[in-house]
Protein backbone atom coordinates (compact mmCIF):
# COMPACT_ATOMS: atom_id res chain seq x y z
CA UNK A 1 -5.63 -5.80 -4.77
CA UNK A 2 -4.94 -9.07 -6.66
CA UNK A 3 -5.73 -7.93 -10.39
CA UNK A 4 -8.32 -10.34 -10.75
CA UNK A 5 -9.81 -8.36 -13.67
CA UNK A 6 -6.53 -7.58 -15.79
CA UNK A 7 -7.20 -7.53 -19.47
CA UNK A 8 -10.80 -7.07 -18.98
CA UNK A 9 -12.92 -4.15 -20.13
CA UNK A 10 -15.73 -2.81 -18.05
CA UNK A 11 -18.59 -0.66 -19.17
CA UNK A 12 -20.09 1.01 -16.29
CA UNK A 13 -23.22 3.41 -16.72
CA UNK A 14 -24.09 6.25 -14.30
CA UNK A 15 -20.56 6.13 -13.18
CA UNK A 16 -19.53 9.61 -12.61
CA UNK A 17 -20.42 9.58 -9.00
CA UNK A 18 -21.85 7.47 -6.19
CA UNK A 19 -21.87 3.52 -6.69
CA UNK A 20 -20.88 3.49 -10.16
CA UNK A 21 -18.09 5.59 -9.47
CA UNK A 22 -17.04 3.35 -6.49
CA UNK A 23 -17.43 0.25 -8.90
CA UNK A 24 -15.49 1.79 -11.65
CA UNK A 25 -12.46 2.54 -9.06
CA UNK A 26 -12.51 -0.80 -7.87
CA UNK A 27 -12.36 -2.41 -11.31
CA UNK A 28 -9.48 -0.34 -12.31
CA UNK A 29 -7.77 -1.36 -8.98
CA UNK A 30 -8.31 -5.04 -10.22
CA UNK A 31 -6.37 -4.36 -13.21
CA UNK A 32 -9.56 -3.58 -15.72
CA UNK A 33 -9.59 -0.97 -18.24
CA UNK A 34 -12.88 1.02 -17.98
CA UNK A 35 -15.36 3.13 -19.68
CA UNK A 36 -17.71 5.25 -17.46
CA UNK A 37 -20.70 7.09 -18.79
CA UNK A 38 -23.01 10.05 -17.42
CA UNK A 39 -25.23 12.73 -18.22
CA UNK A 40 -23.48 15.51 -16.41
CA UNK A 41 -20.31 16.31 -18.45
CA UNK A 42 -18.81 18.32 -15.70
CA UNK A 43 -19.15 15.69 -13.27
CA UNK A 44 -18.10 12.93 -15.87
CA UNK A 45 -14.94 15.02 -16.62
CA UNK A 46 -14.12 15.19 -12.88
CA UNK A 47 -14.73 11.68 -12.45
CA UNK A 48 -12.33 10.56 -15.38
CA UNK A 49 -9.65 13.11 -13.89
CA UNK A 50 -9.67 11.14 -10.46
CA UNK A 51 -10.10 7.66 -11.94
CA UNK A 52 -7.16 7.91 -14.35
CA UNK A 53 -4.89 7.94 -11.35
CA UNK A 54 -5.97 4.42 -10.63
CA UNK A 55 -5.77 3.06 -14.19
CA UNK A 56 -6.92 3.34 -17.73
CA UNK A 57 -10.21 5.03 -18.13
CA UNK A 58 -12.52 6.32 -20.90
CA UNK A 59 -15.50 9.00 -20.12
CA UNK A 60 -18.50 9.36 -22.46
CA UNK A 61 -21.47 11.65 -22.36
CA UNK A 62 -24.17 9.25 -22.80
CA UNK A 63 -28.14 9.32 -21.95
CA UNK A 64 -29.02 5.57 -21.59
CA UNK A 65 -32.64 5.94 -22.31
CA UNK A 66 -31.66 7.31 -25.82
CA UNK A 67 -30.60 3.87 -27.88
CA UNK A 68 -28.75 5.80 -30.76
CA UNK A 69 -26.48 7.73 -27.68
CA UNK A 70 -25.78 4.17 -26.05
CA UNK A 71 -24.97 2.67 -29.49
CA UNK A 72 -22.32 5.88 -29.73
CA UNK A 73 -20.89 4.80 -26.63
CA UNK A 74 -20.68 1.24 -27.26
CA UNK A 75 -18.68 2.14 -30.48
CA UNK A 76 -16.60 4.45 -28.77
CA UNK A 77 -15.68 1.81 -26.28
CA UNK A 78 -14.89 -0.77 -28.72
CA UNK A 79 -12.80 1.82 -30.75
CA UNK A 80 -10.75 2.41 -27.61
CA UNK A 81 -10.11 -1.04 -25.94
CA UNK A 82 -11.66 -3.48 -28.80
CA UNK A 83 -14.08 -5.44 -26.69
CA UNK A 84 -16.52 -5.58 -23.85
CA UNK A 85 -16.21 -8.23 -21.19
CA UNK A 86 -18.11 -6.66 -18.39
CA UNK A 87 -21.34 -4.46 -18.58
CA UNK A 88 -22.57 -2.85 -15.47
CA UNK A 89 -25.99 -1.24 -15.66
CA UNK A 90 -25.99 1.17 -12.82
CA UNK A 91 -27.39 4.42 -14.18
CA UNK A 92 -30.83 5.26 -12.51
CA UNK A 93 -33.01 7.96 -11.28
CA UNK A 94 -35.92 8.71 -8.88
CA UNK A 95 -37.11 11.88 -9.66
CA UNK A 96 -40.91 11.66 -9.24
CA UNK A 97 -42.53 11.72 -5.67
CA UNK A 98 -46.30 11.60 -5.30
CA UNK A 99 -49.68 9.56 -5.64
CA UNK A 100 -50.44 8.20 -9.33
CA UNK A 101 -53.32 10.40 -9.69
CA UNK A 102 -51.38 13.65 -8.90
CA UNK A 103 -48.08 13.12 -10.58
CA UNK A 104 -46.81 14.18 -13.93
CA UNK A 105 -47.11 11.25 -16.36
CA UNK A 106 -44.09 12.36 -18.52
CA UNK A 107 -42.09 12.48 -15.09
CA UNK A 108 -43.24 8.91 -14.23
CA UNK A 109 -42.65 7.50 -17.63
CA UNK A 110 -38.94 9.23 -17.48
CA UNK A 111 -37.82 7.09 -14.56
CA UNK A 112 -39.09 3.97 -16.42
CA UNK A 113 -37.18 4.89 -19.52
CA UNK A 114 -33.89 5.70 -17.71
CA UNK A 115 -34.20 2.67 -15.17
CA UNK A 116 -35.66 -0.04 -17.29
CA UNK A 117 -35.33 0.89 -21.18
CA UNK A 118 -31.86 2.34 -20.14
CA UNK A 119 -30.65 -1.03 -19.03
CA UNK A 120 -32.40 -2.78 -21.98
CA UNK A 121 -30.56 -0.44 -24.28
CA UNK A 122 -27.36 -1.10 -23.01
CA UNK A 123 -27.99 -4.81 -23.19
CA UNK A 124 -29.24 -4.73 -26.72
CA UNK A 125 -26.22 -2.62 -27.96
CA UNK A 126 -23.45 -4.75 -26.21
CA UNK A 127 -24.65 -8.37 -26.40
CA UNK A 128 -24.04 -8.83 -29.91
CA UNK A 129 -20.38 -8.01 -29.59
CA UNK A 130 -20.24 -10.38 -26.45
CA UNK A 131 -21.65 -13.07 -28.66
CA UNK A 132 -18.68 -12.55 -31.31
CA UNK A 133 -16.24 -12.38 -28.81
CA UNK A 134 -17.42 -15.68 -27.12
CA UNK A 135 -19.12 -14.51 -23.93
CA UNK A 136 -19.26 -12.00 -21.37
CA UNK A 137 -20.82 -10.82 -18.12
CA UNK A 138 -23.85 -8.22 -17.45
CA UNK A 139 -24.48 -6.88 -13.88
CA UNK A 140 -27.62 -5.05 -13.43
CA UNK A 141 -28.58 -3.22 -10.21
CA UNK A 142 -31.59 -3.18 -8.24
CA UNK A 143 -32.89 -0.65 -5.52
CA UNK A 144 -34.90 -0.70 -2.41
CA UNK A 145 -37.72 -0.05 -4.39
CA UNK A 146 -37.75 -3.71 -5.69
CA UNK A 147 -37.60 -5.29 -2.41
CA UNK A 148 -39.64 -2.68 -0.28
CA UNK A 149 -42.58 -1.44 -2.58
CA UNK A 150 -43.67 1.77 -0.83
CA UNK A 151 -45.92 4.84 -1.58
CA UNK A 152 -45.09 7.83 -3.70
CA UNK A 153 -42.54 6.17 -5.87
CA UNK A 154 -44.46 3.60 -7.83
CA UNK A 155 -42.06 4.70 -11.06
CA UNK A 156 -39.01 3.82 -9.22
CA UNK A 157 -40.31 0.44 -7.65
CA UNK A 158 -41.94 -0.67 -10.82
CA UNK A 159 -38.70 -0.33 -12.74
CA UNK A 160 -36.61 -1.95 -10.40
CA UNK A 161 -38.84 -4.67 -9.81
CA UNK A 162 -39.29 -5.10 -13.49
CA UNK A 163 -35.34 -5.25 -13.91
CA UNK A 164 -35.28 -8.50 -11.73
CA UNK A 165 -37.67 -10.34 -14.07
CA UNK A 166 -35.74 -8.94 -17.02
CA UNK A 167 -32.55 -10.02 -15.73
CA UNK A 168 -33.88 -13.70 -14.78
CA UNK A 169 -35.20 -14.00 -18.41
CA UNK A 170 -32.32 -12.45 -20.11
CA UNK A 171 -30.10 -15.04 -18.19
CA UNK A 172 -32.10 -17.73 -19.97
CA UNK A 173 -31.80 -16.31 -23.42
CA UNK A 174 -28.12 -16.05 -23.68
CA UNK A 175 -26.63 -18.66 -21.28
CA UNK A 176 -25.99 -20.90 -24.21
CA UNK A 177 -23.78 -17.80 -25.74
CA UNK A 178 -21.57 -17.93 -22.47
CA UNK A 179 -23.09 -14.45 -21.37
CA UNK A 180 -24.13 -14.48 -17.54
CA UNK A 181 -26.56 -12.08 -16.39
CA UNK A 182 -27.14 -11.21 -12.59
CA UNK A 183 -28.59 -8.35 -10.32
CA UNK A 184 -27.48 -7.09 -7.07
CA UNK A 185 -28.96 -5.06 -4.39
CA UNK A 186 -26.05 -2.57 -3.16
CA UNK A 187 -28.29 -1.82 0.03
CA UNK A 188 -29.21 1.93 0.83
CA UNK A 189 -26.04 3.79 0.12
CA UNK A 190 -26.49 7.69 0.90
CA UNK A 191 -25.69 9.05 -2.59
CA UNK A 192 -26.99 11.94 -4.44
CA UNK A 193 -30.05 10.12 -5.71
CA UNK A 194 -31.08 9.56 -1.77
CA UNK A 195 -30.20 13.11 -0.85
CA UNK A 196 -32.34 14.54 -3.46
CA UNK A 197 -35.19 12.44 -2.50
CA UNK A 198 -35.63 14.77 0.56
CA UNK A 199 -35.48 17.95 -1.27
CA UNK A 200 -39.51 17.69 -1.90
CA UNK A 201 -42.61 17.53 0.50
CA UNK A 202 -43.39 14.28 -1.11
CA UNK A 203 -39.95 12.70 -1.06
CA UNK A 204 -39.33 13.90 2.42
CA UNK A 205 -42.44 12.19 3.66
CA UNK A 206 -41.66 8.83 1.64
CA UNK A 207 -38.24 8.80 3.42
CA UNK A 208 -39.92 9.01 6.78
CA UNK A 209 -42.34 6.44 6.05
CA UNK A 210 -39.39 3.96 4.99
CA UNK A 211 -36.86 5.08 7.51
CA UNK A 212 -36.95 1.51 8.96
CA UNK A 213 -35.90 0.13 5.72
CA UNK A 214 -33.40 2.58 5.12
CA UNK A 215 -31.85 1.53 8.43
CA UNK A 216 -32.25 -2.07 7.61
CA UNK A 217 -30.22 -1.95 4.32
CA UNK A 218 -27.89 0.77 4.75
CA UNK A 219 -24.14 -0.04 3.72
CA UNK A 220 -21.03 1.81 2.96
CA UNK A 221 -20.59 2.41 -0.96
CA UNK A 222 -17.38 -0.26 -0.85
CA UNK A 223 -19.06 -2.88 0.23
CA UNK A 224 -21.37 -2.48 -3.02
CA UNK A 225 -18.20 -2.06 -4.90
CA UNK A 226 -16.73 -5.34 -3.51
CA UNK A 227 -19.66 -7.49 -4.52
CA UNK A 228 -19.42 -6.06 -8.02
CA UNK A 229 -16.00 -7.06 -8.18
CA UNK A 230 -17.00 -10.61 -6.64
CA UNK A 231 -19.64 -11.07 -9.48
CA UNK A 232 -17.35 -9.87 -12.25
CA UNK A 233 -15.05 -12.72 -11.12
CA UNK A 234 -17.71 -15.56 -11.01
CA UNK A 235 -18.03 -18.04 -13.80
CA UNK A 236 -20.53 -17.53 -16.55
CA UNK A 237 -22.30 -20.74 -15.65
CA UNK A 238 -23.66 -18.43 -12.40
CA UNK A 239 -26.41 -16.66 -14.13
CA UNK A 240 -30.02 -15.46 -13.40
CA UNK A 241 -29.17 -14.93 -9.53
CA UNK A 242 -29.96 -11.84 -7.39
CA UNK A 243 -27.31 -10.80 -4.90
CA UNK A 244 -27.24 -8.54 -1.83
CA UNK A 245 -24.26 -6.10 -0.35
CA UNK A 246 -26.18 -6.34 2.84
CA UNK A 247 -26.36 -10.01 3.95
CA UNK A 248 -29.53 -11.65 5.26
CA UNK A 249 -28.09 -12.51 8.38
CA UNK A 250 -27.33 -8.58 8.74
CA UNK A 251 -30.93 -7.70 7.56
CA UNK A 252 -32.66 -10.06 10.15
CA UNK A 253 -30.40 -8.91 13.10
CA UNK A 254 -31.30 -5.19 12.21
CA UNK A 255 -34.94 -6.31 11.91
CA UNK A 256 -35.22 -7.54 15.17
CA UNK A 257 -34.79 -4.15 16.72
CA UNK A 258 -37.52 -2.83 14.82
CA UNK A 259 -40.28 -5.57 15.56
CA UNK A 260 -42.84 -7.12 13.39
CA UNK A 261 -45.02 -4.03 13.01
CA UNK A 262 -42.45 -1.68 11.55
CA UNK A 263 -41.07 -4.63 9.48
CA UNK A 264 -44.55 -4.60 7.83
CA UNK A 265 -44.81 -0.91 7.42
CA UNK A 266 -46.99 -0.14 10.41
CA UNK A 267 -46.11 3.08 12.39
């Protein structure tokens, strides 16, 4: 690696496994100092142990849907590293599957609380420090729910679509402060989140309905991590943009294999 993030401090949420872990590993390889957070303390400890081989890492147990928990995480990061240059809002869940009239309202609201409000909480806590230090970069992650709305996962789709609008609005609010805010789709990476979907009847049915989209957007976790590195290296003048780990050309080539009927969801 080239050390493109040397002396940079990155805070990555939901990084004890999956895409967040891969991003943390890639940032460490580029010379960054990294704070990772997660709710599962055992998984977090295992991730820190593995990542410490690659560089300087701090692990903090945090529930991003709880503002006080987020504030404590940011304070601990500042105490350890002295600054936050990069915030990667990766934490997300998709734990309620079913039609709106049948699902548990509390479970639906919890997805919004983690995916959308959790991102707000982290931005709210970090931005004042970025302003004081003269700038920074915020990278949000959206999922297939923002691009391909589908039945049974309205909370996930709504939260991810809202993140796109949130990102663009936030970018305009803080451009003059030297803070860039961008979002990217990692493609469909078969992490634990995707695996867990298939464990319920509604979740399995949901996956069967969008199998074409999953194949269209499938990509290795390393590709998502590589894009996250590129975005961390971009100038702050690039802001309010949406990126994709799976190229549009690749999507079109894959779409050609399915035909227009499947592309529009007709089975």
